[in-house]
C-alpha cells in the first residue's frame, strides 16, 4: 500500500516529465519502425538488383549461344549477315528478342560486326530491369576447305628428310612415316598409321585413325589419340597422355579439294599457251592461266602426227599477289607474296628449284607432288605428295586466304569460334 501511494504521488507531482518520456519513447519506436522499413526496402532492392544482373547475364549468354547455333547450321543466313555488315563501322543489329518465360523476363539484342573479310564479331546484349550484360564471340568464317588451313595436307606420300623445323599442323589421308632429326611444332593428323623414327620431335599431339609407333629417340610432348594400338620402343618418349583404342571422335579435315580449270580460265586476266617461262613476274591481284595445246600436223611424208604442248610454267622470281594456274608442271625459285599472298595451282607437279625461298604462298597440286627441296617456306602446301630435303624452316602463313574467292569453295561454309568473352555493364 505504501509503495502504491509513493508512485501515485510521484506521478501527480511529475505529470509533465512523464508525458515527455512517453513522447520520446513513442518517437523512438516510430523511428526504429521507419528505419527497419527502409532497411527491408533496401534489402529488397538489392535482392532485385542482383536478380536482374543474373537474368541479364543468362539472357546475353543464351542469345549468343542461339546466334552461334543458327549461324553454324544456316549458311545462307550467315552469308546474308556478312553482306549486311560489310562497310558498317559500328556493325548491324540482326535480331532482337523479348523474353517472358516464367521468372525470366527481359530483352536480347544481337549484333554483328565484320572486322575483316573472314572474321565476324557476334555481340549479344541482355537486359533485365536496369541491368545489362554483354557477351560476344569472335568467329572465323571458313569458306574454303579446311585443307587450306593446314601447313601441309597430303593425300598419298610424305617425305621429310634432314633436320627441318616445321611450324604448323600437318595432315595425311594415308599412313605417315616420319624419319630424321626434324622438329614439328604442331599437330599430326593421319587417317592411317603413324610411325616416328630417329630423333623426330612433335611438340603437340598426334591424332590417328590407325596405329601409332614411336621408335629410336622420337619424342612427343602432347597427347596421342589412336583408334588402334600405341607402341613405344627404344628411348622413345610420350610426355603427354596415351589414348590407345580411343573411343571418342577425332575431328578430321575433309578430303582433298577438287580442281576446276574452267573456273580459273573463265576468270583469267591473261591466258598463255604453255610452256610459258619468265624471269620475273609481278602479279597484281590477277589470274594468269597457262593452258596446254594439242596440235595435229602432217609431216613431209603425209603422216598425221599429234603434238602436245604442255601447259608448263617456270619463273625465277614471282612477286605480288594473285593466282597462277598451270595445266602442266610448275618450276619456281623465289616467291615473294605480299600481305594478300600468292596462289600457285598445278594439275601436275610443283617444284621449288635451286634452294629458293617462298613467302606467303599456297602451293596446290592435288594430283601431283610438291617438292620444296631445301627452300625455306612460308605458306601452305596441299598436294598428293610432299617432299623436302635438307634443313629448311617450313611454317604456316594464311596470307593467301585474302584471295579465298579464288580457292575451291567449301559448301556450306563453316565457322570456327576463336573465343568467347563475357562482360557485365550494370
Protein backbone atom coordinates (compact mmCIF):
# COMPACT_ATOMS: atom_id res chain seq x y z
CA UNK A 1 0.00 0.00 0.00
CA UNK A 2 2.80 2.40 0.84
CA UNK A 3 4.54 1.65 -2.49
CA UNK A 4 1.35 2.43 -4.43
CA UNK A 5 0.89 5.72 -2.61
CA UNK A 6 4.51 6.61 -3.37
CA UNK A 7 4.21 6.09 -7.15
CA UNK A 8 0.79 7.77 -7.24
CA UNK A 9 2.18 10.82 -5.52
CA UNK A 10 5.28 10.89 -7.82
CA UNK A 11 3.05 10.70 -10.89
CA UNK A 12 0.87 13.58 -9.76
CA UNK A 13 3.89 15.69 -8.93
CA UNK A 14 5.75 14.93 -12.31
CA UNK A 15 2.98 14.80 -14.91
CA UNK A 16 5.00 16.88 -17.45
CA UNK A 17 8.15 14.77 -17.23
CA UNK A 18 6.26 11.52 -17.71
CA UNK A 19 4.47 12.92 -20.73
CA UNK A 20 7.78 13.92 -22.29
CA UNK A 21 9.18 10.47 -21.59
CA UNK A 22 6.19 8.79 -23.25
CA UNK A 23 6.53 11.03 -26.28
CA UNK A 24 10.27 10.32 -26.57
CA UNK A 25 9.73 6.58 -26.32
CA UNK A 26 6.96 6.73 -28.90
CA UNK A 27 9.10 8.77 -31.29
CA UNK A 28 11.96 6.35 -30.87
CA UNK A 29 9.69 3.43 -31.68
CA UNK A 30 8.43 5.24 -34.82
CA UNK A 31 12.00 5.98 -35.94
CA UNK A 32 13.00 2.38 -35.39
CA UNK A 33 9.96 1.25 -37.36
CA UNK A 34 10.78 3.58 -40.27
CA UNK A 35 14.45 2.56 -40.22
CA UNK A 36 13.52 -1.10 -40.26
CA UNK A 37 11.11 -0.45 -43.14
CA UNK A 38 13.84 1.36 -45.13
CA UNK A 39 16.31 -1.40 -44.38
CA UNK A 40 13.83 -4.00 -45.59
CA UNK A 41 13.13 -1.96 -48.70
CA UNK A 42 16.88 -1.55 -49.42
CA UNK A 43 17.42 -5.23 -48.88
CA UNK A 44 14.58 -5.96 -51.30
CA UNK A 45 16.06 -3.54 -53.83
CA UNK A 46 19.50 -5.14 -53.53
CA UNK A 47 17.98 -8.57 -53.94
CA UNK A 48 16.02 -7.46 -57.01
CA UNK A 49 19.13 -5.72 -58.40
CA UNK A 50 21.21 -8.89 -58.04
CA UNK A 51 18.41 -10.97 -59.53
CA UNK A 52 18.26 -8.69 -62.59
CA UNK A 53 22.02 -8.90 -63.01
CA UNK A 54 21.83 -12.68 -63.10
CA UNK A 55 18.89 -12.58 -65.51
CA UNK A 56 20.72 -10.14 -67.81
CA UNK A 57 23.72 -12.45 -67.95
CA UNK A 58 21.59 -15.51 -68.69
CA UNK A 59 19.81 -13.62 -71.44
CA UNK A 60 23.06 -12.41 -73.04
CA UNK A 61 24.70 -15.83 -72.95
CA UNK A 62 21.57 -17.58 -74.16
CA UNK A 63 21.25 -15.13 -77.04
CA UNK A 64 24.88 -15.67 -78.03
CA UNK A 65 24.53 -19.45 -77.99
CA UNK A 66 21.37 -19.18 -80.09
CA UNK A 67 23.11 -16.97 -82.65
CA UNK A 68 26.16 -19.24 -82.97
CA UNK A 69 23.98 -22.34 -83.35
CA UNK A 70 21.91 -20.72 -86.10
CA UNK A 71 24.95 -19.42 -87.99
CA UNK A 72 26.61 -22.83 -87.86
CA UNK A 73 23.57 -24.57 -89.25
CA UNK A 74 22.23 -21.93 -91.63
CA UNK A 75 24.98 -20.86 -94.08
CA UNK A 76 22.53 -18.75 -96.10
CA UNK A 77 21.78 -16.63 -93.03
CA UNK A 78 25.49 -16.40 -92.27
CA UNK A 79 26.20 -15.09 -95.77
CA UNK A 80 23.29 -12.65 -95.50
CA UNK A 81 24.51 -11.20 -92.20
CA UNK A 82 28.02 -10.83 -93.59
CA UNK A 83 26.67 -8.97 -96.61
CA UNK A 84 24.69 -6.60 -94.36
CA UNK A 85 27.67 -5.95 -92.06
CA UNK A 86 30.11 -5.09 -94.87
CA UNK A 87 31.16 -1.46 -94.70
CA UNK A 88 29.27 -0.78 -91.44
CA UNK A 89 31.87 0.51 -88.97
CA UNK A 90 29.53 0.08 -85.98
CA UNK A 91 28.07 -3.21 -87.13
CA UNK A 92 24.40 -4.11 -87.53
CA UNK A 93 21.54 -5.39 -85.39
CA UNK A 94 20.35 -8.63 -86.95
CA UNK A 95 17.91 -9.85 -84.31
CA UNK A 96 16.08 -8.67 -81.18
CA UNK A 97 14.08 -10.82 -78.79
CA UNK A 98 11.69 -10.17 -75.93
CA UNK A 99 11.72 -12.99 -73.36
CA UNK A 100 8.85 -13.70 -70.95
CA UNK A 101 9.20 -17.23 -69.68
CA UNK A 102 8.26 -17.71 -66.04
CA UNK A 103 10.64 -15.72 -63.85
CA UNK A 104 12.94 -14.93 -66.79
CA UNK A 105 11.85 -11.66 -68.34
CA UNK A 106 13.93 -9.27 -70.37
CA UNK A 107 15.30 -8.44 -73.80
CA UNK A 108 18.12 -9.62 -76.08
CA UNK A 109 19.73 -7.63 -78.89
CA UNK A 110 22.07 -9.45 -81.32
CA UNK A 111 24.63 -7.51 -83.33
CA UNK A 112 27.27 -8.43 -85.93
CA UNK A 113 30.48 -6.57 -86.72
CA UNK A 114 32.63 -7.65 -89.68
CA UNK A 115 36.21 -6.93 -88.59
CA UNK A 116 37.81 -8.46 -91.69
CA UNK A 117 36.82 -10.50 -94.73
CA UNK A 118 36.70 -13.75 -92.74
CA UNK A 119 36.37 -12.53 -89.15
CA UNK A 120 32.96 -11.81 -87.62
CA UNK A 121 32.21 -10.50 -84.12
CA UNK A 122 28.82 -11.52 -82.70
CA UNK A 123 27.58 -9.36 -79.79
CA UNK A 124 24.69 -10.34 -77.53
CA UNK A 125 23.26 -7.72 -75.14
CA UNK A 126 20.90 -8.98 -72.45
CA UNK A 127 18.84 -6.61 -70.29
CA UNK A 128 16.55 -7.17 -67.30
CA UNK A 129 15.23 -4.20 -65.38
CA UNK A 130 18.03 -1.64 -65.20
CA UNK A 131 20.77 -4.30 -65.52
CA UNK A 132 22.62 -5.11 -68.74
CA UNK A 133 25.16 -7.75 -69.67
CA UNK A 134 27.16 -8.23 -72.86
CA UNK A 135 28.63 -11.47 -74.22
CA UNK A 136 30.48 -11.70 -77.51
CA UNK A 137 32.37 -14.19 -79.65
CA UNK A 138 34.86 -13.87 -82.48
CA UNK A 139 34.13 -16.22 -85.37
CA UNK A 140 36.37 -17.17 -88.28
CA UNK A 141 34.24 -17.81 -91.35
CA UNK A 142 35.73 -20.73 -93.28
CA UNK A 143 34.56 -20.55 -96.88
CA UNK A 144 37.42 -22.64 -98.23
CA UNK A 145 38.27 -26.23 -97.43
CA UNK A 146 39.97 -26.91 -94.12
CA UNK A 147 42.90 -28.36 -96.07
CA UNK A 148 43.98 -24.78 -96.80
CA UNK A 149 44.11 -24.05 -93.07
CA UNK A 150 46.93 -26.54 -92.53
CA UNK A 151 50.64 -26.20 -93.17
CA UNK A 152 50.86 -29.48 -95.11
CA UNK A 153 47.91 -31.52 -96.38
CA UNK A 154 48.92 -34.62 -98.37
CA UNK A 155 46.74 -37.44 -99.61
CA UNK A 156 49.31 -40.06 -100.55
CA UNK A 157 53.01 -39.57 -99.77
CA UNK A 158 55.15 -37.56 -97.40
CA UNK A 159 58.93 -37.36 -97.21
CA UNK A 160 60.77 -35.06 -94.82
CA UNK A 161 64.50 -35.72 -94.65
CA UNK A 162 67.21 -33.84 -92.80
CA UNK A 163 66.83 -31.51 -89.82
CA UNK A 164 63.93 -29.33 -90.85
CA UNK A 165 61.95 -27.15 -88.47
CA UNK A 166 58.25 -27.40 -89.22
CA UNK A 167 55.82 -24.93 -87.63
CA UNK A 168 52.17 -25.82 -88.16
CA UNK A 169 49.74 -28.72 -88.35
CA UNK A 170 50.24 -31.48 -90.91
CA UNK A 171 47.53 -33.82 -92.26
CA UNK A 172 47.74 -37.08 -94.20
CA UNK A 173 44.95 -39.11 -95.74
CA UNK A 174 47.04 -42.29 -95.53
CA UNK A 175 49.92 -43.74 -93.50
CA UNK A 176 52.64 -41.46 -92.13
CA UNK A 177 56.30 -42.42 -91.75
CA UNK A 178 58.30 -39.55 -90.20
CA UNK A 179 62.06 -40.05 -90.02
CA UNK A 180 65.05 -37.91 -89.26
CA UNK A 181 66.15 -35.14 -86.95
CA UNK A 182 63.33 -32.70 -87.56
CA UNK A 183 61.22 -30.69 -85.11
CA UNK A 184 57.48 -30.36 -85.70
CA UNK A 185 55.82 -27.55 -83.74
CA UNK A 186 52.26 -28.61 -84.47
CA UNK A 187 49.77 -31.47 -84.51
CA UNK A 188 49.86 -34.57 -86.72
CA UNK A 189 46.61 -35.91 -88.19
CA UNK A 190 46.53 -39.22 -90.08
CA UNK A 191 43.77 -41.42 -91.44
CA UNK A 192 46.24 -44.33 -91.42
CA UNK A 193 49.12 -45.48 -89.23
CA UNK A 194 51.72 -43.07 -87.83
CA UNK A 195 55.35 -44.11 -87.32
CA UNK A 196 58.00 -41.80 -85.84
CA UNK A 197 61.66 -42.82 -86.10
CA UNK A 198 65.08 -41.36 -85.36
CA UNK A 199 65.05 -38.23 -83.21
CA UNK A 200 61.84 -36.75 -84.59
CA UNK A 201 60.18 -34.32 -82.19
CA UNK A 202 56.46 -33.44 -82.16
CA UNK A 203 55.66 -30.63 -79.72
CA UNK A 204 51.88 -31.02 -79.83
CA UNK A 205 49.60 -34.04 -80.28
CA UNK A 206 49.06 -36.94 -82.70
CA UNK A 207 45.61 -37.97 -83.93
CA UNK A 208 45.41 -41.25 -85.84
CA UNK A 209 42.61 -43.41 -87.18
CA UNK A 210 45.09 -46.31 -87.18
CA UNK A 211 48.09 -47.35 -85.06
CA UNK A 212 50.90 -45.15 -83.71
CA UNK A 213 54.50 -46.37 -83.28
CA UNK A 214 57.44 -44.48 -81.75
CA UNK A 215 60.97 -45.79 -82.28
CA UNK A 216 64.53 -44.64 -81.66
CA UNK A 217 64.56 -41.41 -79.65
CA UNK A 218 61.35 -39.98 -81.04
CA UNK A 219 59.67 -37.58 -78.62
CA UNK A 220 56.06 -36.38 -78.39
CA UNK A 221 55.28 -33.55 -75.98
CA UNK A 222 51.49 -33.74 -76.29
CA UNK A 223 48.90 -36.49 -76.19
CA UNK A 224 48.41 -39.36 -78.63
CA UNK A 225 44.91 -40.38 -79.70
CA UNK A 226 44.76 -43.57 -81.77
CA UNK A 227 41.86 -45.72 -82.88
CA UNK A 228 44.35 -48.62 -82.87
CA UNK A 229 47.37 -49.55 -80.75
CA UNK A 230 50.15 -47.27 -79.48
CA UNK A 231 53.61 -48.91 -79.45
CA UNK A 232 56.78 -47.40 -77.94
CA UNK A 233 60.26 -48.88 -78.24
CA UNK A 234 63.85 -47.83 -77.60
CA UNK A 235 64.32 -44.41 -75.99
CA UNK A 236 61.12 -43.00 -77.46
CA UNK A 237 59.05 -40.91 -75.12
CA UNK A 238 55.49 -39.58 -74.73
CA UNK A 239 55.26 -36.70 -72.27
CA UNK A 240 51.51 -36.31 -72.55
CA UNK A 241 48.83 -38.98 -72.22
CA UNK A 242 48.32 -42.04 -74.39
CA UNK A 243 44.84 -42.94 -75.60
CA UNK A 244 45.04 -46.30 -77.43
CA UNK A 245 41.84 -47.68 -78.96
CA UNK A 246 40.33 -44.25 -78.45
CA UNK A 247 36.52 -44.36 -78.50
CA UNK A 248 35.90 -40.63 -78.82
CA UNK A 249 35.56 -38.68 -82.05
CA UNK A 250 38.57 -37.29 -83.91
CA UNK A 251 37.69 -34.24 -85.97
CA UNK A 252 39.47 -34.86 -89.25
CA UNK A 253 39.73 -32.34 -92.11
CA UNK A 254 37.90 -33.16 -95.32
CA UNK A 255 39.32 -34.96 -98.31
CA UNK A 256 41.43 -33.30 -100.97
CA UNK A 257 39.73 -30.29 -102.63
CA UNK A 258 38.94 -30.73 -106.32
CA UNK A 259 40.22 -28.64 -109.21
CA UNK A 260 38.01 -26.72 -111.62
CA UNK A 261 40.11 -25.42 -114.53
CA UNK A 262 37.09 -23.80 -116.20
CA UNK A 263 36.55 -21.64 -113.12
CA UNK A 264 40.06 -20.17 -113.39
CA UNK A 265 40.20 -19.97 -117.18
CA UNK A 266 36.90 -18.07 -117.37
CA UNK A 267 38.19 -15.51 -114.84
CA UNK A 268 41.78 -15.26 -116.09
CA UNK A 269 43.18 -11.83 -116.91
CA UNK A 270 45.90 -13.44 -119.06
CA UNK A 271 45.98 -16.82 -120.86
CA UNK A 272 49.20 -18.25 -122.32
CA UNK A 273 49.83 -21.41 -124.29
CA UNK A 274 52.47 -23.42 -122.48
CA UNK A 275 55.24 -23.81 -121.94
CA UNK A 276 55.47 -20.27 -120.54
CA UNK A 277 58.69 -19.09 -118.92
CA UNK A 278 59.62 -15.72 -117.39
CA UNK A 279 62.49 -14.40 -115.31
CA UNK A 280 60.36 -12.13 -113.13
CA UNK A 281 56.58 -11.89 -112.96
CA UNK A 282 54.76 -9.35 -110.78
CA UNK A 283 51.13 -10.19 -110.08
CA UNK A 284 48.57 -7.51 -109.34
CA UNK A 285 45.60 -9.42 -107.89
CA UNK A 286 45.10 -11.12 -111.27
CA UNK A 287 44.83 -14.69 -112.56
CA UNK A 288 47.38 -15.99 -115.08
CA UNK A 289 46.27 -19.20 -116.79
CA UNK A 290 48.81 -21.46 -118.55
CA UNK A 291 46.96 -23.68 -120.99
CA UNK A 292 48.11 -26.78 -122.82
CA UNK A 293 47.53 -27.38 -126.51
CA UNK A 294 47.10 -30.45 -128.67
CA UNK A 295 48.04 -29.86 -132.30
CA UNK A 296 47.67 -32.22 -135.21
CA UNK A 297 50.22 -31.82 -138.04
CA UNK A 298 51.11 -33.69 -141.22
CA UNK A 299 54.80 -34.40 -141.75
CA UNK A 300 56.59 -34.35 -145.13
CA UNK A 301 55.67 -37.98 -145.69
CA UNK A 302 51.98 -37.29 -145.28
CA UNK A 303 51.75 -38.88 -141.84
CA UNK A 304 49.39 -37.30 -139.31
CA UNK A 305 51.09 -36.55 -136.01
CA UNK A 306 49.79 -35.23 -132.70
CA UNK A 307 51.94 -32.70 -130.87
CA UNK A 308 51.16 -31.88 -127.25
CA UNK A 309 52.28 -28.50 -125.96
CA UNK A 310 52.35 -28.93 -122.19
CA UNK A 311 50.94 -26.16 -120.04
CA UNK A 312 54.15 -25.78 -118.06
CA UNK A 313 55.17 -22.61 -116.22
CA UNK A 314 58.55 -21.52 -114.86
CA UNK A 315 59.82 -18.35 -113.20
CA UNK A 316 62.88 -17.28 -111.25
CA UNK A 317 61.03 -14.60 -109.32
CA UNK A 318 57.32 -14.40 -108.63
CA UNK A 319 56.06 -11.35 -106.73
CA UNK A 320 52.95 -9.51 -105.57
CA UNK A 321 49.53 -11.08 -105.14
CA UNK A 322 47.45 -13.22 -107.47
CA UNK A 323 46.94 -16.68 -108.94
CA UNK A 324 48.99 -18.85 -111.29
CA UNK A 325 47.07 -21.80 -112.75
CA UNK A 326 49.09 -24.23 -114.88
CA UNK A 327 47.78 -27.24 -116.76
CA UNK A 328 51.29 -28.68 -116.61
CA UNK A 329 54.30 -28.60 -114.27
CA UNK A 330 55.40 -25.51 -112.33
CA UNK A 331 59.00 -24.63 -111.52
CA UNK A 332 59.78 -21.57 -109.43
CA UNK A 333 62.76 -20.33 -107.48
CA UNK A 334 61.75 -17.36 -105.33
CA UNK A 335 58.19 -16.49 -104.42
CA UNK A 336 57.55 -13.27 -102.51
CA UNK A 337 53.86 -12.82 -101.89
CA UNK A 338 52.66 -9.61 -100.29
CA UNK A 339 50.10 -9.42 -97.48
CA UNK A 340 47.45 -10.90 -99.78
CA UNK A 341 49.64 -13.82 -100.80
CA UNK A 342 50.09 -15.83 -103.99
CA UNK A 343 48.24 -18.98 -105.04
CA UNK A 344 50.00 -21.43 -107.38
CA UNK A 345 47.90 -24.28 -108.77
CA UNK A 346 49.23 -27.10 -110.92
CA UNK A 347 47.41 -30.06 -112.45
CA UNK A 348 50.75 -31.90 -112.30
CA UNK A 349 53.78 -31.07 -110.10
CA UNK A 350 55.25 -28.01 -108.37
CA UNK A 351 58.99 -27.73 -107.74
CA UNK A 352 60.91 -25.03 -105.89
CA UNK A 353 64.30 -25.15 -107.60
CA UNK A 354 67.85 -24.14 -106.69
CA UNK A 355 67.18 -23.81 -102.95
CA UNK A 356 64.91 -20.84 -103.47
CA UNK A 357 62.65 -19.23 -100.88
CA UNK A 358 58.89 -18.99 -100.63
CA UNK A 359 56.87 -16.43 -98.64
CA UNK A 360 53.09 -16.07 -98.25
CA UNK A 361 52.19 -18.68 -100.88
CA UNK A 362 49.83 -21.59 -101.33
CA UNK A 363 51.20 -24.47 -103.44
CA UNK A 364 48.22 -26.55 -104.57
CA UNK A 365 48.89 -29.74 -106.54
CA UNK A 366 46.10 -32.24 -105.77
CA UNK A 367 47.17 -34.70 -108.47
CA UNK A 368 50.95 -34.44 -108.17
CA UNK A 369 53.97 -33.73 -105.97
CA UNK A 370 55.14 -30.55 -104.30
CA UNK A 371 58.93 -30.62 -103.88
CA UNK A 372 60.40 -27.67 -101.95
CA UNK A 373 63.89 -29.16 -101.77
CA UNK A 374 65.92 -27.17 -99.24
CA UNK A 375 63.89 -23.96 -99.60
CA UNK A 376 62.63 -22.03 -96.60
CA UNK A 377 58.88 -21.99 -96.94
CA UNK A 378 56.08 -19.83 -95.51
CA UNK A 379 52.51 -20.57 -96.52
CA UNK A 380 50.53 -23.77 -97.10
CA UNK A 381 51.08 -26.93 -99.16
CA UNK A 382 48.16 -29.03 -100.38
CA UNK A 383 49.24 -31.90 -102.62
CA UNK A 384 49.02 -35.58 -103.37
CA UNK A 385 52.67 -35.99 -102.37
CA UNK A 386 55.07 -33.74 -100.47
CA UNK A 387 58.86 -33.82 -100.48
CA UNK A 388 61.56 -31.81 -98.67
CA UNK A 389 65.27 -32.41 -98.26
CA UNK A 390 67.84 -30.57 -96.13
CA UNK A 391 67.20 -28.26 -93.19
CA UNK A 392 64.64 -25.66 -94.26
CA UNK A 393 62.26 -23.77 -91.98
CA UNK A 394 58.69 -24.60 -93.02
CA UNK A 395 55.88 -22.62 -91.40
CA UNK A 396 52.25 -21.75 -91.98
CA UNK A 397 51.03 -18.40 -93.31
CA UNK A 398 47.39 -17.65 -94.14
CA UNK A 399 48.05 -14.53 -96.25
CA UNK A 400 46.65 -16.27 -99.36
CA UNK A 401 43.26 -16.63 -97.65
CA UNK A 402 42.68 -12.99 -98.57
CA UNK A 403 42.24 -14.44 -102.07
CA UNK A 404 39.76 -17.03 -100.81
CA UNK A 405 37.32 -16.20 -103.63
CA UNK A 406 39.88 -17.88 -105.93
CA UNK A 407 40.06 -21.07 -103.87
CA UNK A 408 37.76 -24.09 -104.19
CA UNK A 409 34.77 -23.18 -102.04
CA UNK A 410 33.50 -25.32 -99.21
CA UNK A 411 29.74 -25.61 -99.35
CA UNK A 412 28.22 -24.86 -96.97
CA UNK A 413 30.75 -22.54 -95.33
CA UNK A 414 31.67 -23.29 -91.74
CA UNK A 415 32.58 -21.13 -88.79
CA UNK A 416 35.26 -21.63 -86.20
CA UNK A 417 34.85 -19.98 -82.79
CA UNK A 418 38.05 -18.16 -81.84
CA UNK A 419 36.97 -17.25 -78.32
CA UNK A 420 34.01 -16.06 -76.26
CA UNK A 421 34.20 -13.16 -73.80
CA UNK A 422 31.63 -12.02 -71.26
CA UNK A 423 31.44 -8.68 -69.52
CA UNK A 424 28.82 -7.03 -67.32
CA UNK A 425 27.56 -3.50 -67.75
CA UNK A 426 25.30 -2.92 -64.75
